[in-house]
Amino acid sequence: MERDQEFLEFVVKSLVDEPSAVKVERKVDEMGVLMTLDVASGDMGKIIGRSGNTAKAIRTLLRVVGMKNNARVNLKINEPEGGMRSASNMVQAADSASVDEALEDLKM
């Protein structure tokens, strides 16, 4: 395991309630290193933080670790299954609101 991946796992596992659910995938291509992070849905808020500040801080630290190794490191945080942004939840929310309610909301 590479240092940047070890670092990311250590930081994230230190922040979450379910460290066993943390998965980090590392891919290298011509653009640099892409780290993909998966966490339990209940821990998503801890990783994102208020206004995304925790995620920004993690990304900044990863870039610093990458600079030490002359690599450009990016972080992608995957939306967990059943997360607030999942497509099935959006469809269910749209189905629950009637067309009349939606039109009423649009009126000024």
N, C-alpha and C. Protein backbone atom coordinates (compact mmCIF):
# COMPACT_ATOMS: atom_id res chain seq x y z
N MET A 1 0.86 -1.19 0.00
CA MET A 1 0.00 0.00 0.00
C MET A 1 0.89 1.25 0.00
N GLU A 2 0.52 2.21 -0.81
CA GLU A 2 1.29 3.44 -0.93
C GLU A 2 1.06 4.35 0.28
N ARG A 3 1.99 5.26 0.51
CA ARG A 3 1.91 6.16 1.67
C ARG A 3 0.66 7.04 1.65
N ASP A 4 0.30 7.56 0.45
CA ASP A 4 -0.86 8.43 0.39
C ASP A 4 -2.14 7.67 0.73
N GLN A 5 -2.21 6.42 0.32
CA GLN A 5 -3.38 5.59 0.63
C GLN A 5 -3.42 5.26 2.14
N GLU A 6 -2.28 4.92 2.70
CA GLU A 6 -2.20 4.66 4.14
C GLU A 6 -2.62 5.89 4.93
N PHE A 7 -2.13 7.06 4.50
CA PHE A 7 -2.45 8.31 5.18
C PHE A 7 -3.95 8.58 5.15
N LEU A 8 -4.56 8.44 3.96
CA LEU A 8 -5.99 8.69 3.83
C LEU A 8 -6.80 7.73 4.71
N GLU A 9 -6.45 6.46 4.68
CA GLU A 9 -7.16 5.48 5.51
C GLU A 9 -7.03 5.82 6.99
N PHE A 10 -5.83 6.20 7.42
CA PHE A 10 -5.63 6.54 8.83
C PHE A 10 -6.49 7.72 9.25
N VAL A 11 -6.47 8.79 8.44
CA VAL A 11 -7.23 9.99 8.78
C VAL A 11 -8.73 9.69 8.82
N VAL A 12 -9.23 9.04 7.78
CA VAL A 12 -10.67 8.79 7.68
C VAL A 12 -11.13 7.84 8.78
N LYS A 13 -10.38 6.77 9.02
CA LYS A 13 -10.76 5.81 10.07
C LYS A 13 -10.74 6.46 11.45
N SER A 14 -9.92 7.49 11.62
CA SER A 14 -9.87 8.22 12.89
C SER A 14 -11.09 9.11 13.08
N LEU A 15 -11.76 9.47 11.99
CA LEU A 15 -12.90 10.39 12.05
C LEU A 15 -14.26 9.70 12.14
N VAL A 16 -14.37 8.48 11.64
CA VAL A 16 -15.67 7.84 11.48
C VAL A 16 -16.03 6.92 12.66
N ASP A 17 -17.32 6.57 12.73
CA ASP A 17 -17.79 5.63 13.75
C ASP A 17 -17.63 4.18 13.32
N GLU A 18 -17.62 3.95 12.00
CA GLU A 18 -17.49 2.59 11.45
C GLU A 18 -16.22 2.47 10.61
N PRO A 19 -15.06 2.38 11.26
CA PRO A 19 -13.81 2.31 10.49
C PRO A 19 -13.70 1.06 9.61
N SER A 20 -14.39 -0.01 9.98
CA SER A 20 -14.32 -1.23 9.17
C SER A 20 -14.99 -1.05 7.80
N ALA A 21 -15.86 -0.04 7.67
CA ALA A 21 -16.55 0.21 6.40
C ALA A 21 -15.75 1.10 5.45
N VAL A 22 -14.63 1.62 5.91
CA VAL A 22 -13.82 2.52 5.09
C VAL A 22 -13.06 1.72 4.04
N LYS A 23 -13.21 2.15 2.78
CA LYS A 23 -12.48 1.51 1.68
C LYS A 23 -11.85 2.60 0.83
N VAL A 24 -10.59 2.43 0.53
CA VAL A 24 -9.86 3.39 -0.31
C VAL A 24 -9.30 2.65 -1.51
N GLU A 25 -9.60 3.17 -2.68
CA GLU A 25 -9.06 2.60 -3.92
C GLU A 25 -8.12 3.63 -4.52
N ARG A 26 -7.00 3.18 -5.03
CA ARG A 26 -5.98 4.08 -5.59
C ARG A 26 -5.73 3.72 -7.04
N LYS A 27 -5.86 4.70 -7.93
CA LYS A 27 -5.58 4.50 -9.35
C LYS A 27 -4.60 5.57 -9.81
N VAL A 28 -3.68 5.16 -10.65
CA VAL A 28 -2.69 6.09 -11.21
C VAL A 28 -2.88 6.13 -12.72
N ASP A 29 -2.94 7.35 -13.26
CA ASP A 29 -2.99 7.52 -14.71
C ASP A 29 -2.15 8.74 -15.09
N GLU A 30 -2.27 9.20 -16.34
CA GLU A 30 -1.46 10.33 -16.78
C GLU A 30 -1.80 11.63 -16.06
N MET A 31 -2.99 11.71 -15.45
CA MET A 31 -3.40 12.91 -14.72
C MET A 31 -2.85 12.92 -13.29
N GLY A 32 -2.41 11.79 -12.79
CA GLY A 32 -1.90 11.70 -11.43
C GLY A 32 -2.54 10.54 -10.70
N VAL A 33 -2.75 10.73 -9.41
CA VAL A 33 -3.31 9.69 -8.55
C VAL A 33 -4.74 10.06 -8.20
N LEU A 34 -5.65 9.11 -8.36
CA LEU A 34 -7.03 9.31 -7.95
C LEU A 34 -7.33 8.35 -6.80
N MET A 35 -7.66 8.92 -5.65
CA MET A 35 -8.05 8.14 -4.48
C MET A 35 -9.57 8.18 -4.41
N THR A 36 -10.19 7.02 -4.35
CA THR A 36 -11.64 6.93 -4.25
C THR A 36 -11.99 6.39 -2.88
N LEU A 37 -12.84 7.13 -2.17
CA LEU A 37 -13.16 6.81 -0.78
C LEU A 37 -14.61 6.37 -0.64
N ASP A 38 -14.81 5.26 0.07
CA ASP A 38 -16.15 4.78 0.43
C ASP A 38 -16.22 4.70 1.94
N VAL A 39 -17.31 5.23 2.52
CA VAL A 39 -17.55 5.13 3.96
C VAL A 39 -19.00 4.73 4.18
N ALA A 40 -19.33 4.34 5.40
CA ALA A 40 -20.71 4.02 5.75
C ALA A 40 -21.57 5.27 5.61
N SER A 41 -22.83 5.08 5.23
CA SER A 41 -23.69 6.24 4.99
C SER A 41 -23.83 7.12 6.23
N GLY A 42 -23.81 6.53 7.42
CA GLY A 42 -23.91 7.31 8.64
C GLY A 42 -22.69 8.17 8.93
N ASP A 43 -21.58 7.84 8.29
CA ASP A 43 -20.33 8.58 8.51
C ASP A 43 -20.06 9.66 7.46
N MET A 44 -20.92 9.74 6.47
CA MET A 44 -20.70 10.68 5.38
C MET A 44 -20.57 12.12 5.88
N GLY A 45 -21.42 12.52 6.80
CA GLY A 45 -21.39 13.88 7.34
C GLY A 45 -20.09 14.21 8.04
N LYS A 46 -19.51 13.20 8.69
CA LYS A 46 -18.23 13.42 9.40
C LYS A 46 -17.11 13.66 8.41
N ILE A 47 -17.17 13.01 7.26
CA ILE A 47 -16.12 13.15 6.26
C ILE A 47 -16.29 14.43 5.46
N ILE A 48 -17.52 14.80 5.14
CA ILE A 48 -17.77 16.03 4.39
C ILE A 48 -17.57 17.24 5.29
N GLY A 49 -18.15 17.21 6.47
CA GLY A 49 -18.02 18.33 7.41
C GLY A 49 -18.94 19.48 7.06
N ARG A 50 -19.05 20.43 7.95
CA ARG A 50 -19.89 21.60 7.74
C ARG A 50 -19.36 22.41 6.56
N SER A 51 -20.21 22.67 5.60
CA SER A 51 -19.87 23.40 4.36
C SER A 51 -18.74 22.72 3.59
N GLY A 52 -18.54 21.43 3.80
CA GLY A 52 -17.51 20.70 3.08
C GLY A 52 -16.10 20.95 3.59
N ASN A 53 -15.98 21.56 4.76
CA ASN A 53 -14.66 21.95 5.26
C ASN A 53 -13.76 20.77 5.58
N THR A 54 -14.32 19.68 6.12
CA THR A 54 -13.49 18.53 6.45
C THR A 54 -12.96 17.89 5.17
N ALA A 55 -13.83 17.72 4.18
CA ALA A 55 -13.40 17.14 2.90
C ALA A 55 -12.33 18.01 2.25
N LYS A 56 -12.49 19.33 2.30
CA LYS A 56 -11.48 20.24 1.73
C LYS A 56 -10.14 20.07 2.44
N ALA A 57 -10.18 19.95 3.76
CA ALA A 57 -8.95 19.79 4.54
C ALA A 57 -8.26 18.47 4.20
N ILE A 58 -9.03 17.40 4.07
CA ILE A 58 -8.46 16.10 3.70
C ILE A 58 -7.82 16.18 2.32
N ARG A 59 -8.52 16.83 1.38
CA ARG A 59 -7.97 16.97 0.02
C ARG A 59 -6.66 17.78 0.04
N THR A 60 -6.63 18.84 0.84
CA THR A 60 -5.42 19.66 0.93
C THR A 60 -4.26 18.84 1.49
N LEU A 61 -4.52 18.09 2.54
CA LEU A 61 -3.46 17.26 3.13
C LEU A 61 -2.97 16.20 2.15
N LEU A 62 -3.90 15.62 1.38
CA LEU A 62 -3.50 14.62 0.38
C LEU A 62 -2.62 15.25 -0.70
N ARG A 63 -2.94 16.47 -1.09
CA ARG A 63 -2.11 17.15 -2.09
C ARG A 63 -0.69 17.38 -1.56
N VAL A 64 -0.59 17.73 -0.28
CA VAL A 64 0.72 17.94 0.33
C VAL A 64 1.51 16.63 0.35
N VAL A 65 0.85 15.54 0.74
CA VAL A 65 1.50 14.23 0.74
C VAL A 65 1.93 13.89 -0.68
N GLY A 66 1.08 14.18 -1.66
CA GLY A 66 1.42 13.92 -3.05
C GLY A 66 2.60 14.73 -3.53
N MET A 67 2.66 16.00 -3.12
CA MET A 67 3.78 16.86 -3.53
C MET A 67 5.11 16.31 -3.04
N LYS A 68 5.08 15.71 -1.85
CA LYS A 68 6.31 15.10 -1.32
C LYS A 68 6.80 13.99 -2.22
N ASN A 69 5.86 13.34 -2.90
CA ASN A 69 6.20 12.22 -3.79
C ASN A 69 6.11 12.61 -5.26
N ASN A 70 6.10 13.92 -5.54
CA ASN A 70 6.01 14.44 -6.92
C ASN A 70 4.82 13.87 -7.68
N ALA A 71 3.68 13.79 -7.02
CA ALA A 71 2.47 13.28 -7.66
C ALA A 71 1.31 14.21 -7.37
N ARG A 72 0.41 14.31 -8.33
CA ARG A 72 -0.82 15.08 -8.14
C ARG A 72 -1.87 14.11 -7.63
N VAL A 73 -2.39 14.37 -6.41
CA VAL A 73 -3.35 13.46 -5.78
C VAL A 73 -4.71 14.13 -5.70
N ASN A 74 -5.74 13.44 -6.18
CA ASN A 74 -7.11 13.91 -6.09
C ASN A 74 -7.93 12.91 -5.31
N LEU A 75 -8.98 13.40 -4.65
CA LEU A 75 -9.85 12.55 -3.84
C LEU A 75 -11.27 12.62 -4.35
N LYS A 76 -11.86 11.46 -4.58
CA LYS A 76 -13.27 11.35 -4.94
C LYS A 76 -13.95 10.61 -3.79
N ILE A 77 -15.02 11.21 -3.26
CA ILE A 77 -15.78 10.59 -2.18
C ILE A 77 -17.07 10.04 -2.77
N ASN A 78 -17.21 8.72 -2.76
CA ASN A 78 -18.39 8.09 -3.33
C ASN A 78 -19.59 8.25 -2.41
N GLU A 79 -20.75 8.49 -3.01
CA GLU A 79 -22.01 8.55 -2.28
C GLU A 79 -22.37 7.13 -1.87
N PRO A 80 -22.62 6.88 -0.57
CA PRO A 80 -22.94 5.52 -0.14
C PRO A 80 -24.32 5.08 -0.61
N GLU A 81 -24.50 3.75 -0.69
CA GLU A 81 -25.81 3.19 -1.02
C GLU A 81 -26.82 3.74 -0.03
N GLY A 82 -27.96 4.17 -0.54
CA GLY A 82 -29.00 4.69 0.35
C GLY A 82 -28.69 6.07 0.86
N GLY A 83 -27.69 6.72 0.26
CA GLY A 83 -27.33 8.07 0.68
C GLY A 83 -28.39 9.07 0.28
N MET A 84 -28.28 10.28 0.80
CA MET A 84 -29.29 11.31 0.56
C MET A 84 -29.38 11.70 -0.90
N ARG A 85 -28.30 11.53 -1.67
CA ARG A 85 -28.31 11.95 -3.06
C ARG A 85 -28.56 10.80 -4.03
N SER A 86 -28.81 9.59 -3.52
CA SER A 86 -28.98 8.47 -4.45
C SER A 86 -30.19 8.69 -5.34
N ALA A 87 -30.10 8.17 -6.55
CA ALA A 87 -31.14 8.39 -7.56
C ALA A 87 -32.49 7.86 -7.10
N SER A 88 -32.49 6.71 -6.43
CA SER A 88 -33.77 6.14 -6.01
C SER A 88 -34.46 7.04 -4.99
N ASN A 89 -33.70 7.67 -4.11
CA ASN A 89 -34.31 8.60 -3.15
C ASN A 89 -34.88 9.81 -3.85
N MET A 90 -34.20 10.30 -4.90
CA MET A 90 -34.69 11.46 -5.64
C MET A 90 -35.98 11.13 -6.36
N VAL A 91 -36.04 9.93 -6.94
CA VAL A 91 -37.25 9.51 -7.64
C VAL A 91 -38.40 9.38 -6.66
N GLN A 92 -38.13 8.77 -5.51
CA GLN A 92 -39.18 8.61 -4.50
C GLN A 92 -39.69 9.97 -4.04
N ALA A 93 -38.80 10.91 -3.85
CA ALA A 93 -39.20 12.25 -3.40
C ALA A 93 -40.05 12.92 -4.48
N ALA A 94 -39.65 12.75 -5.74
CA ALA A 94 -40.41 13.36 -6.83
C ALA A 94 -41.79 12.72 -6.95
N ASP A 95 -41.86 11.40 -6.76
CA ASP A 95 -43.14 10.71 -6.85
C ASP A 95 -44.10 11.12 -5.74
N SER A 96 -43.57 11.44 -4.58
CA SER A 96 -44.43 11.75 -3.44
C SER A 96 -45.08 13.13 -3.56
N ALA A 97 -44.48 14.02 -4.34
CA ALA A 97 -45.06 15.35 -4.51
C ALA A 97 -45.94 15.34 -5.75
N SER A 98 -47.15 15.79 -5.61
CA SER A 98 -48.05 15.82 -6.77
C SER A 98 -47.71 17.00 -7.67
N VAL A 99 -48.18 16.93 -8.90
CA VAL A 99 -47.94 18.01 -9.85
C VAL A 99 -48.56 19.31 -9.34
N ASP A 100 -49.75 19.22 -8.75
CA ASP A 100 -50.42 20.42 -8.22
C ASP A 100 -49.56 21.08 -7.13
N GLU A 101 -49.00 20.27 -6.24
CA GLU A 101 -48.14 20.82 -5.18
C GLU A 101 -46.93 21.49 -5.78
N ALA A 102 -46.33 20.87 -6.79
CA ALA A 102 -45.15 21.45 -7.42
C ALA A 102 -45.48 22.78 -8.08
N LEU A 103 -46.63 22.84 -8.77
CA LEU A 103 -47.03 24.09 -9.40
C LEU A 103 -47.31 25.17 -8.35
N GLU A 104 -47.91 24.78 -7.24
CA GLU A 104 -48.19 25.72 -6.16
C GLU A 104 -46.88 26.30 -5.60
N ASP A 105 -45.87 25.45 -5.48
CA ASP A 105 -44.58 25.91 -4.98
C ASP A 105 -43.94 26.93 -5.92
N LEU A 106 -44.21 26.82 -7.21
CA LEU A 106 -43.61 27.72 -8.19
C LEU A 106 -44.27 29.09 -8.23
N LYS A 107 -45.52 29.18 -7.74
CA LYS A 107 -46.22 30.46 -7.77
C LYS A 107 -45.58 31.44 -6.79
N MET A 108 -45.55 32.69 -7.19
CA MET A 108 -44.90 33.70 -6.33
C MET A 108 -45.91 34.42 -5.52
